[in-house]
Amino acid sequence: LHKAVHQDLANQKALNFIGNIESGDLLHGAADVVVSDGWTANAALKA
């Protein structure tokens, strides 16, 4: 799923897609928008 989404986002001309981000880097200002499925994002947020 994530490999396919990465390719889809890279093909979106309207997006400034910069690639993957790890949960340990969320608060470091590496991205302005972070996308995920709800289960993963919620788990990372609570951690």
ModelCIF file with pLDDT and N, C-alpha, C, O atoms, coordinates in Angstrom:
data_MODEL
#
_entry.id   MODEL 
#
_entity.id                         1 
_entity.type                       polymer 
_entity.pdbx_number_of_molecules   1 
#
_entity_poly.entity_id                      1 
_entity_poly.type                           'polypeptide(L)' 
_entity_poly.nstd_linkage                   no 
_entity_poly.nstd_monomer                   no 
_entity_poly.pdbx_seq_one_letter_code       LHKAVHQDLANQKALNFIGNIESGDLLHGAADVVVSDGWTANAALKA 
_entity_poly.pdbx_seq_one_letter_code_can   LHKAVHQDLANQKALNFIGNIESGDLLHGAADVVVSDGWTANAALKA 
_entity_poly.pdbx_strand_id                 A 
#
loop_
_entity_poly_seq.entity_id 
_entity_poly_seq.num 
_entity_poly_seq.mon_id 
_entity_poly_seq.hetero 
1 1  LEU n 
1 2  HIS n 
1 3  LYS n 
1 4  ALA n 
1 5  VAL n 
1 6  HIS n 
1 7  GLN n 
1 8  ASP n 
1 9  LEU n 
1 10 ALA n 
1 11 ASN n 
1 12 GLN n 
1 13 LYS n 
1 14 ALA n 
1 15 LEU n 
1 16 ASN n 
1 17 PHE n 
1 18 ILE n 
1 19 GLY n 
1 20 ASN n 
1 21 ILE n 
1 22 GLU n 
1 23 SER n 
1 24 GLY n 
1 25 ASP n 
1 26 LEU n 
1 27 LEU n 
1 28 HIS n 
1 29 GLY n 
1 30 ALA n 
1 31 ALA n 
1 32 ASP n 
1 33 VAL n 
1 34 VAL n 
1 35 VAL n 
1 36 SER n 
1 37 ASP n 
1 38 GLY n 
1 39 TRP n 
1 40 THR n 
1 41 ALA n 
1 42 ASN n 
1 43 ALA n 
1 44 ALA n 
1 45 LEU n 
1 46 LYS n 
1 47 ALA n 
#
_struct_asym.id          A 
_struct_asym.entity_id   1 
#
loop_
_ma_qa_metric.id 
_ma_qa_metric.mode 
_ma_qa_metric.name 
_ma_qa_metric.software_group_id 
_ma_qa_metric.type 
1 global pLDDT . pLDDT 
2 local  pLDDT . pLDDT 
#
_ma_qa_metric_global.metric_id      1 
_ma_qa_metric_global.metric_value   90.72 
_ma_qa_metric_global.model_id       1 
_ma_qa_metric_global.ordinal_id     1 
#
loop_
_ma_qa_metric_local.label_asym_id 
_ma_qa_metric_local.label_comp_id 
_ma_qa_metric_local.label_seq_id 
_ma_qa_metric_local.metric_id 
_ma_qa_metric_local.metric_value 
_ma_qa_metric_local.model_id 
_ma_qa_metric_local.ordinal_id 
A LEU 1  2 91.00 1 1  
A HIS 2  2 92.00 1 2  
A LYS 3  2 92.00 1 3  
A ALA 4  2 93.00 1 4  
A VAL 5  2 94.00 1 5  
A HIS 6  2 94.00 1 6  
A GLN 7  2 94.00 1 7  
A ASP 8  2 94.00 1 8  
A LEU 9  2 95.00 1 9  
A ALA 10 2 94.00 1 10 
A ASN 11 2 93.00 1 11 
A GLN 12 2 92.00 1 12 
A LYS 13 2 89.00 1 13 
A ALA 14 2 89.00 1 14 
A LEU 15 2 93.00 1 15 
A ASN 16 2 95.00 1 16 
A PHE 17 2 96.00 1 17 
A ILE 18 2 95.00 1 18 
A GLY 19 2 94.00 1 19 
A ASN 20 2 95.00 1 20 
A ILE 21 2 94.00 1 21 
A GLU 22 2 92.00 1 22 
A SER 23 2 88.00 1 23 
A GLY 24 2 87.00 1 24 
A ASP 25 2 88.00 1 25 
A LEU 26 2 87.00 1 26 
A LEU 27 2 85.00 1 27 
A HIS 28 2 86.00 1 28 
A GLY 29 2 86.00 1 29 
A ALA 30 2 89.00 1 30 
A ALA 31 2 93.00 1 31 
A ASP 32 2 94.00 1 32 
A VAL 33 2 96.00 1 33 
A VAL 34 2 95.00 1 34 
A VAL 35 2 95.00 1 35 
A SER 36 2 93.00 1 36 
A ASP 37 2 91.00 1 37 
A GLY 38 2 86.00 1 38 
A TRP 39 2 88.00 1 39 
A THR 40 2 88.00 1 40 
A ALA 41 2 89.00 1 41 
A ASN 42 2 85.00 1 42 
A ALA 43 2 88.00 1 43 
A ALA 44 2 86.00 1 44 
A LEU 45 2 83.00 1 45 
A LYS 46 2 82.00 1 46 
A ALA 47 2 86.00 1 47 
#
loop_
_atom_site.group_PDB 
_atom_site.id 
_atom_site.type_symbol 
_atom_site.label_atom_id 
_atom_site.label_alt_id 
_atom_site.label_comp_id 
_atom_site.label_asym_id 
_atom_site.label_entity_id 
_atom_site.label_seq_id 
_atom_site.pdbx_PDB_ins_code 
_atom_site.Cartn_x 
_atom_site.Cartn_y 
_atom_site.Cartn_z 
_atom_site.occupancy 
_atom_site.B_iso_or_equiv 
_atom_site.pdbx_formal_charge 
_atom_site.auth_seq_id 
_atom_site.auth_comp_id 
_atom_site.auth_asym_id 
_atom_site.auth_atom_id 
_atom_site.pdbx_PDB_model_num 
ATOM 1   N N  . LEU A 1 1  ? 0.826  -1.204 0.000   1.00 91.00 ? 1  LEU A N  1 
ATOM 2   C CA . LEU A 1 1  ? 0.000  0.000  0.000   1.00 91.00 ? 1  LEU A CA 1 
ATOM 3   C C  . LEU A 1 1  ? 0.859  1.251  0.000   1.00 91.00 ? 1  LEU A C  1 
ATOM 4   O O  . LEU A 1 1  ? 0.646  2.153  -0.811  1.00 91.00 ? 1  LEU A O  1 
ATOM 5   N N  . HIS A 1 2  ? 1.825  1.313  0.903   1.00 92.00 ? 2  HIS A N  1 
ATOM 6   C CA . HIS A 1 2  ? 2.633  2.524  1.014   1.00 92.00 ? 2  HIS A CA 1 
ATOM 7   C C  . HIS A 1 2  ? 3.563  2.720  -0.184  1.00 92.00 ? 2  HIS A C  1 
ATOM 8   O O  . HIS A 1 2  ? 3.836  3.853  -0.579  1.00 92.00 ? 2  HIS A O  1 
ATOM 9   N N  . LYS A 1 3  ? 4.047  1.627  -0.757  1.00 92.00 ? 3  LYS A N  1 
ATOM 10  C CA . LYS A 1 3  ? 4.855  1.759  -1.971  1.00 92.00 ? 3  LYS A CA 1 
ATOM 11  C C  . LYS A 1 3  ? 4.010  2.317  -3.119  1.00 92.00 ? 3  LYS A C  1 
ATOM 12  O O  . LYS A 1 3  ? 4.466  3.172  -3.878  1.00 92.00 ? 3  LYS A O  1 
ATOM 13  N N  . ALA A 1 4  ? 2.778  1.824  -3.236  1.00 93.00 ? 4  ALA A N  1 
ATOM 14  C CA . ALA A 1 4  ? 1.900  2.300  -4.304  1.00 93.00 ? 4  ALA A CA 1 
ATOM 15  C C  . ALA A 1 4  ? 1.506  3.755  -4.077  1.00 93.00 ? 4  ALA A C  1 
ATOM 16  O O  . ALA A 1 4  ? 1.471  4.545  -5.021  1.00 93.00 ? 4  ALA A O  1 
ATOM 17  N N  . VAL A 1 5  ? 1.211  4.111  -2.832  1.00 94.00 ? 5  VAL A N  1 
ATOM 18  C CA . VAL A 1 5  ? 0.840  5.500  -2.535  1.00 94.00 ? 5  VAL A CA 1 
ATOM 19  C C  . VAL A 1 5  ? 2.012  6.431  -2.809  1.00 94.00 ? 5  VAL A C  1 
ATOM 20  O O  . VAL A 1 5  ? 1.827  7.530  -3.333  1.00 94.00 ? 5  VAL A O  1 
ATOM 21  N N  . HIS A 1 6  ? 3.208  5.998  -2.459  1.00 94.00 ? 6  HIS A N  1 
ATOM 22  C CA . HIS A 1 6  ? 4.402  6.821  -2.740  1.00 94.00 ? 6  HIS A CA 1 
ATOM 23  C C  . HIS A 1 6  ? 4.490  7.142  -4.225  1.00 94.00 ? 6  HIS A C  1 
ATOM 24  O O  . HIS A 1 6  ? 4.761  8.283  -4.600  1.00 94.00 ? 6  HIS A O  1 
ATOM 25  N N  . GLN A 1 7  ? 4.263  6.140  -5.072  1.00 94.00 ? 7  GLN A N  1 
ATOM 26  C CA . GLN A 1 7  ? 4.311  6.364  -6.518  1.00 94.00 ? 7  GLN A CA 1 
ATOM 27  C C  . GLN A 1 7  ? 3.183  7.284  -6.972  1.00 94.00 ? 7  GLN A C  1 
ATOM 28  O O  . GLN A 1 7  ? 3.389  8.165  -7.806  1.00 94.00 ? 7  GLN A O  1 
ATOM 29  N N  . ASP A 1 8  ? 1.990  7.073  -6.420  1.00 94.00 ? 8  ASP A N  1 
ATOM 30  C CA . ASP A 1 8  ? 0.849  7.919  -6.784  1.00 94.00 ? 8  ASP A CA 1 
ATOM 31  C C  . ASP A 1 8  ? 1.114  9.383  -6.431  1.00 94.00 ? 8  ASP A C  1 
ATOM 32  O O  . ASP A 1 8  ? 0.852  10.279 -7.234  1.00 94.00 ? 8  ASP A O  1 
ATOM 33  N N  . LEU A 1 9  ? 1.632  9.617  -5.234  1.00 95.00 ? 9  LEU A N  1 
ATOM 34  C CA . LEU A 1 9  ? 1.889  10.996 -4.792  1.00 95.00 ? 9  LEU A CA 1 
ATOM 35  C C  . LEU A 1 9  ? 2.998  11.634 -5.624  1.00 95.00 ? 9  LEU A C  1 
ATOM 36  O O  . LEU A 1 9  ? 2.951  12.829 -5.915  1.00 95.00 ? 9  LEU A O  1 
ATOM 37  N N  . ALA A 1 10 ? 3.983  10.847 -6.001  1.00 94.00 ? 10 ALA A N  1 
ATOM 38  C CA . ALA A 1 10 ? 5.072  11.374 -6.829  1.00 94.00 ? 10 ALA A CA 1 
ATOM 39  C C  . ALA A 1 10 ? 4.564  11.794 -8.207  1.00 94.00 ? 10 ALA A C  1 
ATOM 40  O O  . ALA A 1 10 ? 5.168  12.650 -8.854  1.00 94.00 ? 10 ALA A O  1 
ATOM 41  N N  . ASN A 1 11 ? 3.454  11.197 -8.663  1.00 93.00 ? 11 ASN A N  1 
ATOM 42  C CA . ASN A 1 11 ? 2.893  11.527 -9.975  1.00 93.00 ? 11 ASN A CA 1 
ATOM 43  C C  . ASN A 1 11 ? 1.924  12.708 -9.940  1.00 93.00 ? 11 ASN A C  1 
ATOM 44  O O  . ASN A 1 11 ? 1.464  13.162 -10.987 1.00 93.00 ? 11 ASN A O  1 
ATOM 45  N N  . GLN A 1 12 ? 1.614  13.203 -8.750  1.00 92.00 ? 12 GLN A N  1 
ATOM 46  C CA . GLN A 1 12 ? 0.673  14.310 -8.618  1.00 92.00 ? 12 GLN A CA 1 
ATOM 47  C C  . GLN A 1 12 ? 1.377  15.641 -8.873  1.00 92.00 ? 12 GLN A C  1 
ATOM 48  O O  . GLN A 1 12 ? 2.134  16.124 -8.031  1.00 92.00 ? 12 GLN A O  1 
ATOM 49  N N  . LYS A 1 13 ? 1.123  16.225 -10.034 1.00 89.00 ? 13 LYS A N  1 
ATOM 50  C CA . LYS A 1 13 ? 1.807  17.455 -10.418 1.00 89.00 ? 13 LYS A CA 1 
ATOM 51  C C  . LYS A 1 13 ? 1.433  18.638 -9.533  1.00 89.00 ? 13 LYS A C  1 
ATOM 52  O O  . LYS A 1 13 ? 2.201  19.592 -9.411  1.00 89.00 ? 13 LYS A O  1 
ATOM 53  N N  . ALA A 1 14 ? 0.262  18.580 -8.919  1.00 89.00 ? 14 ALA A N  1 
ATOM 54  C CA . ALA A 1 14 ? -0.170 19.691 -8.070  1.00 89.00 ? 14 ALA A CA 1 
ATOM 55  C C  . ALA A 1 14 ? 0.453  19.639 -6.685  1.00 89.00 ? 14 ALA A C  1 
ATOM 56  O O  . ALA A 1 14 ? 0.313  20.585 -5.911  1.00 89.00 ? 14 ALA A O  1 
ATOM 57  N N  . LEU A 1 15 ? 1.148  18.536 -6.357  1.00 93.00 ? 15 LEU A N  1 
ATOM 58  C CA . LEU A 1 15 ? 1.720  18.368 -5.024  1.00 93.00 ? 15 LEU A CA 1 
ATOM 59  C C  . LEU A 1 15 ? 3.222  18.577 -5.029  1.00 93.00 ? 15 LEU A C  1 
ATOM 60  O O  . LEU A 1 15 ? 3.915  18.178 -5.965  1.00 93.00 ? 15 LEU A O  1 
ATOM 61  N N  . ASN A 1 16 ? 3.711  19.197 -3.989  1.00 95.00 ? 16 ASN A N  1 
ATOM 62  C CA . ASN A 1 16 ? 5.148  19.296 -3.746  1.00 95.00 ? 16 ASN A CA 1 
ATOM 63  C C  . ASN A 1 16 ? 5.529  18.125 -2.847  1.00 95.00 ? 16 ASN A C  1 
ATOM 64  O O  . ASN A 1 16 ? 5.781  18.288 -1.653  1.00 95.00 ? 16 ASN A O  1 
ATOM 65  N N  . PHE A 1 17 ? 5.563  16.926 -3.461  1.00 96.00 ? 17 PHE A N  1 
ATOM 66  C CA . PHE A 1 17 ? 5.798  15.701 -2.700  1.00 96.00 ? 17 PHE A CA 1 
ATOM 67  C C  . PHE A 1 17 ? 7.287  15.497 -2.490  1.00 96.00 ? 17 PHE A C  1 
ATOM 68  O O  . PHE A 1 17 ? 8.059  15.479 -3.448  1.00 96.00 ? 17 PHE A O  1 
ATOM 69  N N  . ILE A 1 18 ? 7.699  15.338 -1.209  1.00 95.00 ? 18 ILE A N  1 
ATOM 70  C CA . ILE A 1 18 ? 9.120  15.228 -0.885  1.00 95.00 ? 18 ILE A CA 1 
ATOM 71  C C  . ILE A 1 18 ? 9.513  13.822 -0.457  1.00 95.00 ? 18 ILE A C  1 
ATOM 72  O O  . ILE A 1 18 ? 10.667 13.592 -0.094  1.00 95.00 ? 18 ILE A O  1 
ATOM 73  N N  . GLY A 1 19 ? 8.561  12.860 -0.491  1.00 94.00 ? 19 GLY A N  1 
ATOM 74  C CA . GLY A 1 19 ? 8.894  11.482 -0.181  1.00 94.00 ? 19 GLY A CA 1 
ATOM 75  C C  . GLY A 1 19 ? 8.397  11.039 1.185   1.00 94.00 ? 19 GLY A C  1 
ATOM 76  O O  . GLY A 1 19 ? 7.476  11.628 1.751   1.00 94.00 ? 19 GLY A O  1 
ATOM 77  N N  . ASN A 1 20 ? 9.027  9.985  1.704   1.00 95.00 ? 20 ASN A N  1 
ATOM 78  C CA . ASN A 1 20 ? 8.621  9.403  2.978   1.00 95.00 ? 20 ASN A CA 1 
ATOM 79  C C  . ASN A 1 20 ? 9.188  10.167 4.157   1.00 95.00 ? 20 ASN A C  1 
ATOM 80  O O  . ASN A 1 20 ? 10.207 10.848 4.044   1.00 95.00 ? 20 ASN A O  1 
ATOM 81  N N  . ILE A 1 21 ? 8.507  10.044 5.301   1.00 94.00 ? 21 ILE A N  1 
ATOM 82  C CA . ILE A 1 21 ? 8.995  10.592 6.556   1.00 94.00 ? 21 ILE A CA 1 
ATOM 83  C C  . ILE A 1 21 ? 8.768  9.548  7.639   1.00 94.00 ? 21 ILE A C  1 
ATOM 84  O O  . ILE A 1 21 ? 7.730  8.885  7.656   1.00 94.00 ? 21 ILE A O  1 
ATOM 85  N N  . GLU A 1 22 ? 9.727  9.398  8.538   1.00 92.00 ? 22 GLU A N  1 
ATOM 86  C CA . GLU A 1 22 ? 9.593  8.468  9.647   1.00 92.00 ? 22 GLU A CA 1 
ATOM 87  C C  . GLU A 1 22 ? 8.942  9.153  10.840  1.00 92.00 ? 22 GLU A C  1 
ATOM 88  O O  . GLU A 1 22 ? 9.004  10.376 10.970  1.00 92.00 ? 22 GLU A O  1 
ATOM 89  N N  . SER A 1 23 ? 8.319  8.364  11.712  1.00 88.00 ? 23 SER A N  1 
ATOM 90  C CA . SER A 1 23 ? 7.602  8.940  12.848  1.00 88.00 ? 23 SER A CA 1 
ATOM 91  C C  . SER A 1 23 ? 8.523  9.718  13.784  1.00 88.00 ? 23 SER A C  1 
ATOM 92  O O  . SER A 1 23 ? 8.091  10.677 14.424  1.00 88.00 ? 23 SER A O  1 
ATOM 93  N N  . GLY A 1 24 ? 9.793  9.311  13.868  1.00 87.00 ? 24 GLY A N  1 
ATOM 94  C CA . GLY A 1 24 ? 10.735 10.019 14.730  1.00 87.00 ? 24 GLY A CA 1 
ATOM 95  C C  . GLY A 1 24 ? 11.060 11.418 14.256  1.00 87.00 ? 24 GLY A C  1 
ATOM 96  O O  . GLY A 1 24 ? 11.601 12.217 15.020  1.00 87.00 ? 24 GLY A O  1 
ATOM 97  N N  . ASP A 1 25 ? 10.736 11.735 12.994  1.00 88.00 ? 25 ASP A N  1 
ATOM 98  C CA . ASP A 1 25 ? 11.040 13.059 12.433  1.00 88.00 ? 25 ASP A CA 1 
ATOM 99  C C  . ASP A 1 25 ? 9.817  13.957 12.316  1.00 88.00 ? 25 ASP A C  1 
ATOM 100 O O  . ASP A 1 25 ? 9.896  15.046 11.748  1.00 88.00 ? 25 ASP A O  1 
ATOM 101 N N  . LEU A 1 26 ? 8.679  13.502 12.853  1.00 87.00 ? 26 LEU A N  1 
ATOM 102 C CA . LEU A 1 26 ? 7.436  14.246 12.664  1.00 87.00 ? 26 LEU A CA 1 
ATOM 103 C C  . LEU A 1 26 ? 7.524  15.682 13.162  1.00 87.00 ? 26 LEU A C  1 
ATOM 104 O O  . LEU A 1 26 ? 7.058  16.599 12.486  1.00 87.00 ? 26 LEU A O  1 
ATOM 105 N N  . LEU A 1 27 ? 8.113  15.887 14.334  1.00 85.00 ? 27 LEU A N  1 
ATOM 106 C CA . LEU A 1 27 ? 8.117  17.214 14.950  1.00 85.00 ? 27 LEU A CA 1 
ATOM 107 C C  . LEU A 1 27 ? 9.335  18.048 14.572  1.00 85.00 ? 27 LEU A C  1 
ATOM 108 O O  . LEU A 1 27 ? 9.564  19.113 15.145  1.00 85.00 ? 27 LEU A O  1 
ATOM 109 N N  . HIS A 1 28 ? 10.111 17.567 13.615  1.00 86.00 ? 28 HIS A N  1 
ATOM 110 C CA . HIS A 1 28 ? 11.352 18.255 13.258  1.00 86.00 ? 28 HIS A CA 1 
ATOM 111 C C  . HIS A 1 28 ? 11.198 19.243 12.100  1.00 86.00 ? 28 HIS A C  1 
ATOM 112 O O  . HIS A 1 28 ? 12.185 19.823 11.647  1.00 86.00 ? 28 HIS A O  1 
ATOM 113 N N  . GLY A 1 29 ? 9.978  19.435 11.623  1.00 86.00 ? 29 GLY A N  1 
ATOM 114 C CA . GLY A 1 29 ? 9.755  20.429 10.580  1.00 86.00 ? 29 GLY A CA 1 
ATOM 115 C C  . GLY A 1 29 ? 10.166 20.009 9.194   1.00 86.00 ? 29 GLY A C  1 
ATOM 116 O O  . GLY A 1 29 ? 10.396 20.862 8.337   1.00 86.00 ? 29 GLY A O  1 
ATOM 117 N N  . ALA A 1 30 ? 10.268 18.700 8.944   1.00 89.00 ? 30 ALA A N  1 
ATOM 118 C CA . ALA A 1 30 ? 10.710 18.226 7.633   1.00 89.00 ? 30 ALA A CA 1 
ATOM 119 C C  . ALA A 1 30 ? 9.637  18.364 6.567   1.00 89.00 ? 30 ALA A C  1 
ATOM 120 O O  . ALA A 1 30 ? 9.953  18.406 5.378   1.00 89.00 ? 30 ALA A O  1 
ATOM 121 N N  . ALA A 1 31 ? 8.369  18.436 6.973   1.00 93.00 ? 31 ALA A N  1 
ATOM 122 C CA . ALA A 1 31 ? 7.264  18.532 6.015   1.00 93.00 ? 31 ALA A CA 1 
ATOM 123 C C  . ALA A 1 31 ? 6.183  19.444 6.574   1.00 93.00 ? 31 ALA A C  1 
ATOM 124 O O  . ALA A 1 31 ? 6.073  19.632 7.785   1.00 93.00 ? 31 ALA A O  1 
ATOM 125 N N  . ASP A 1 32 ? 5.378  20.012 5.662   1.00 94.00 ? 32 ASP A N  1 
ATOM 126 C CA . ASP A 1 32 ? 4.257  20.872 6.051   1.00 94.00 ? 32 ASP A CA 1 
ATOM 127 C C  . ASP A 1 32 ? 2.943  20.108 6.096   1.00 94.00 ? 32 ASP A C  1 
ATOM 128 O O  . ASP A 1 32 ? 2.002  20.517 6.777   1.00 94.00 ? 32 ASP A O  1 
ATOM 129 N N  . VAL A 1 33 ? 2.879  18.989 5.364   1.00 96.00 ? 33 VAL A N  1 
ATOM 130 C CA . VAL A 1 33 ? 1.709  18.110 5.362   1.00 96.00 ? 33 VAL A CA 1 
ATOM 131 C C  . VAL A 1 33 ? 2.215  16.682 5.442   1.00 96.00 ? 33 VAL A C  1 
ATOM 132 O O  . VAL A 1 33 ? 3.035  16.271 4.622   1.00 96.00 ? 33 VAL A O  1 
ATOM 133 N N  . VAL A 1 34 ? 1.738  15.918 6.422   1.00 95.00 ? 34 VAL A N  1 
ATOM 134 C CA . VAL A 1 34 ? 2.115  14.516 6.561   1.00 95.00 ? 34 VAL A CA 1 
ATOM 135 C C  . VAL A 1 34 ? 0.854  13.672 6.406   1.00 95.00 ? 34 VAL A C  1 
ATOM 136 O O  . VAL A 1 34 ? -0.134 13.877 7.111   1.00 95.00 ? 34 VAL A O  1 
ATOM 137 N N  . VAL A 1 35 ? 0.902  12.723 5.476   1.00 95.00 ? 35 VAL A N  1 
ATOM 138 C CA . VAL A 1 35 ? -0.254 11.915 5.117   1.00 95.00 ? 35 VAL A CA 1 
ATOM 139 C C  . VAL A 1 35 ? -0.049 10.481 5.590   1.00 95.00 ? 35 VAL A C  1 
ATOM 140 O O  . VAL A 1 35 ? 1.056  9.943  5.521   1.00 95.00 ? 35 VAL A O  1 
ATOM 141 N N  . SER A 1 36 ? -1.134 9.869  6.072   1.00 93.00 ? 36 SER A N  1 
ATOM 142 C CA . SER A 1 36 ? -1.074 8.473  6.487   1.00 93.00 ? 36 SER A CA 1 
ATOM 143 C C  . SER A 1 36 ? -2.481 7.903  6.565   1.00 93.00 ? 36 SER A C  1 
ATOM 144 O O  . SER A 1 36 ? -3.466 8.640  6.534   1.00 93.00 ? 36 SER A O  1 
ATOM 145 N N  . ASP A 1 37 ? -2.562 6.580  6.667   1.00 91.00 ? 37 ASP A N  1 
ATOM 146 C CA . ASP A 1 37 ? -3.843 5.975  7.012   1.00 91.00 ? 37 ASP A CA 1 
ATOM 147 C C  . ASP A 1 37 ? -4.110 6.261  8.488   1.00 91.00 ? 37 ASP A C  1 
ATOM 148 O O  . ASP A 1 37 ? -3.181 6.517  9.255   1.00 91.00 ? 37 ASP A O  1 
ATOM 149 N N  . GLY A 1 38 ? -5.385 6.215  8.883   1.00 86.00 ? 38 GLY A N  1 
ATOM 150 C CA . GLY A 1 38 ? -5.765 6.621  10.223  1.00 86.00 ? 38 GLY A CA 1 
ATOM 151 C C  . GLY A 1 38 ? -5.172 5.759  11.327  1.00 86.00 ? 38 GLY A C  1 
ATOM 152 O O  . GLY A 1 38 ? -4.814 6.277  12.385  1.00 86.00 ? 38 GLY A O  1 
ATOM 153 N N  . TRP A 1 39 ? -5.061 4.446  11.100  1.00 88.00 ? 39 TRP A N  1 
ATOM 154 C CA . TRP A 1 39 ? -4.531 3.566  12.146  1.00 88.00 ? 39 TRP A CA 1 
ATOM 155 C C  . TRP A 1 39 ? -3.077 3.913  12.443  1.00 88.00 ? 39 TRP A C  1 
ATOM 156 O O  . TRP A 1 39 ? -2.697 4.088  13.601  1.00 88.00 ? 39 TRP A O  1 
ATOM 157 N N  . THR A 1 40 ? -2.258 4.013  11.382  1.00 88.00 ? 40 THR A N  1 
ATOM 158 C CA . THR A 1 40 ? -0.834 4.290  11.563  1.00 88.00 ? 40 THR A CA 1 
ATOM 159 C C  . THR A 1 40 ? -0.619 5.676  12.155  1.00 88.00 ? 40 THR A C  1 
ATOM 160 O O  . THR A 1 40 ? 0.170  5.842  13.086  1.00 88.00 ? 40 THR A O  1 
ATOM 161 N N  . ALA A 1 41 ? -1.315 6.665  11.619  1.00 89.00 ? 41 ALA A N  1 
ATOM 162 C CA . ALA A 1 41 ? -1.134 8.036  12.078  1.00 89.00 ? 41 ALA A CA 1 
ATOM 163 C C  . ALA A 1 41 ? -1.546 8.200  13.534  1.00 89.00 ? 41 ALA A C  1 
ATOM 164 O O  . ALA A 1 41 ? -0.879 8.895  14.300  1.00 89.00 ? 41 ALA A O  1 
ATOM 165 N N  . ASN A 1 42 ? -2.651 7.556  13.912  1.00 85.00 ? 42 ASN A N  1 
ATOM 166 C CA . ASN A 1 42 ? -3.114 7.672  15.290  1.00 85.00 ? 42 ASN A CA 1 
ATOM 167 C C  . ASN A 1 42 ? -2.149 6.994  16.250  1.00 85.00 ? 42 ASN A C  1 
ATOM 168 O O  . ASN A 1 42 ? -1.870 7.521  17.328  1.00 85.00 ? 42 ASN A O  1 
ATOM 169 N N  . ALA A 1 43 ? -1.637 5.829  15.866  1.00 88.00 ? 43 ALA A N  1 
ATOM 170 C CA . ALA A 1 43 ? -0.673 5.127  16.713  1.00 88.00 ? 43 ALA A CA 1 
ATOM 171 C C  . ALA A 1 43 ? 0.603  5.941  16.880  1.00 88.00 ? 43 ALA A C  1 
ATOM 172 O O  . ALA A 1 43 ? 1.133  6.047  17.987  1.00 88.00 ? 43 ALA A O  1 
ATOM 173 N N  . ALA A 1 44 ? 1.101  6.516  15.785  1.00 86.00 ? 44 ALA A N  1 
ATOM 174 C CA . ALA A 1 44 ? 2.319  7.323  15.854  1.00 86.00 ? 44 ALA A CA 1 
ATOM 175 C C  . ALA A 1 44 ? 2.091  8.575  16.698  1.00 86.00 ? 44 ALA A C  1 
ATOM 176 O O  . ALA A 1 44 ? 2.965  8.989  17.459  1.00 86.00 ? 44 ALA A O  1 
ATOM 177 N N  . LEU A 1 45 ? 0.899  9.175  16.554  1.00 83.00 ? 45 LEU A N  1 
ATOM 178 C CA . LEU A 1 45 ? 0.588  10.386 17.315  1.00 83.00 ? 45 LEU A CA 1 
ATOM 179 C C  . LEU A 1 45 ? 0.553  10.092 18.815  1.00 83.00 ? 45 LEU A C  1 
ATOM 180 O O  . LEU A 1 45 ? 1.107  10.849 19.613  1.00 83.00 ? 45 LEU A O  1 
ATOM 181 N N  . LYS A 1 46 ? -0.102 8.986  19.195  1.00 82.00 ? 46 LYS A N  1 
ATOM 182 C CA . LYS A 1 46 ? -0.187 8.655  20.611  1.00 82.00 ? 46 LYS A CA 1 
ATOM 183 C C  . LYS A 1 46 ? 1.183  8.278  21.183  1.00 82.00 ? 46 LYS A C  1 
ATOM 184 O O  . LYS A 1 46 ? 1.473  8.582  22.340  1.00 82.00 ? 46 LYS A O  1 
ATOM 185 N N  . ALA A 1 47 ? 2.019  7.624  20.387  1.00 86.00 ? 47 ALA A N  1 
ATOM 186 C CA . ALA A 1 47 ? 3.367  7.300  20.843  1.00 86.00 ? 47 ALA A CA 1 
ATOM 187 C C  . ALA A 1 47 ? 4.182  8.572  21.056  1.00 86.00 ? 47 ALA A C  1 
ATOM 188 O O  . ALA A 1 47 ? 5.349  8.501  21.441  1.00 86.00 ? 47 ALA A O  1 
#
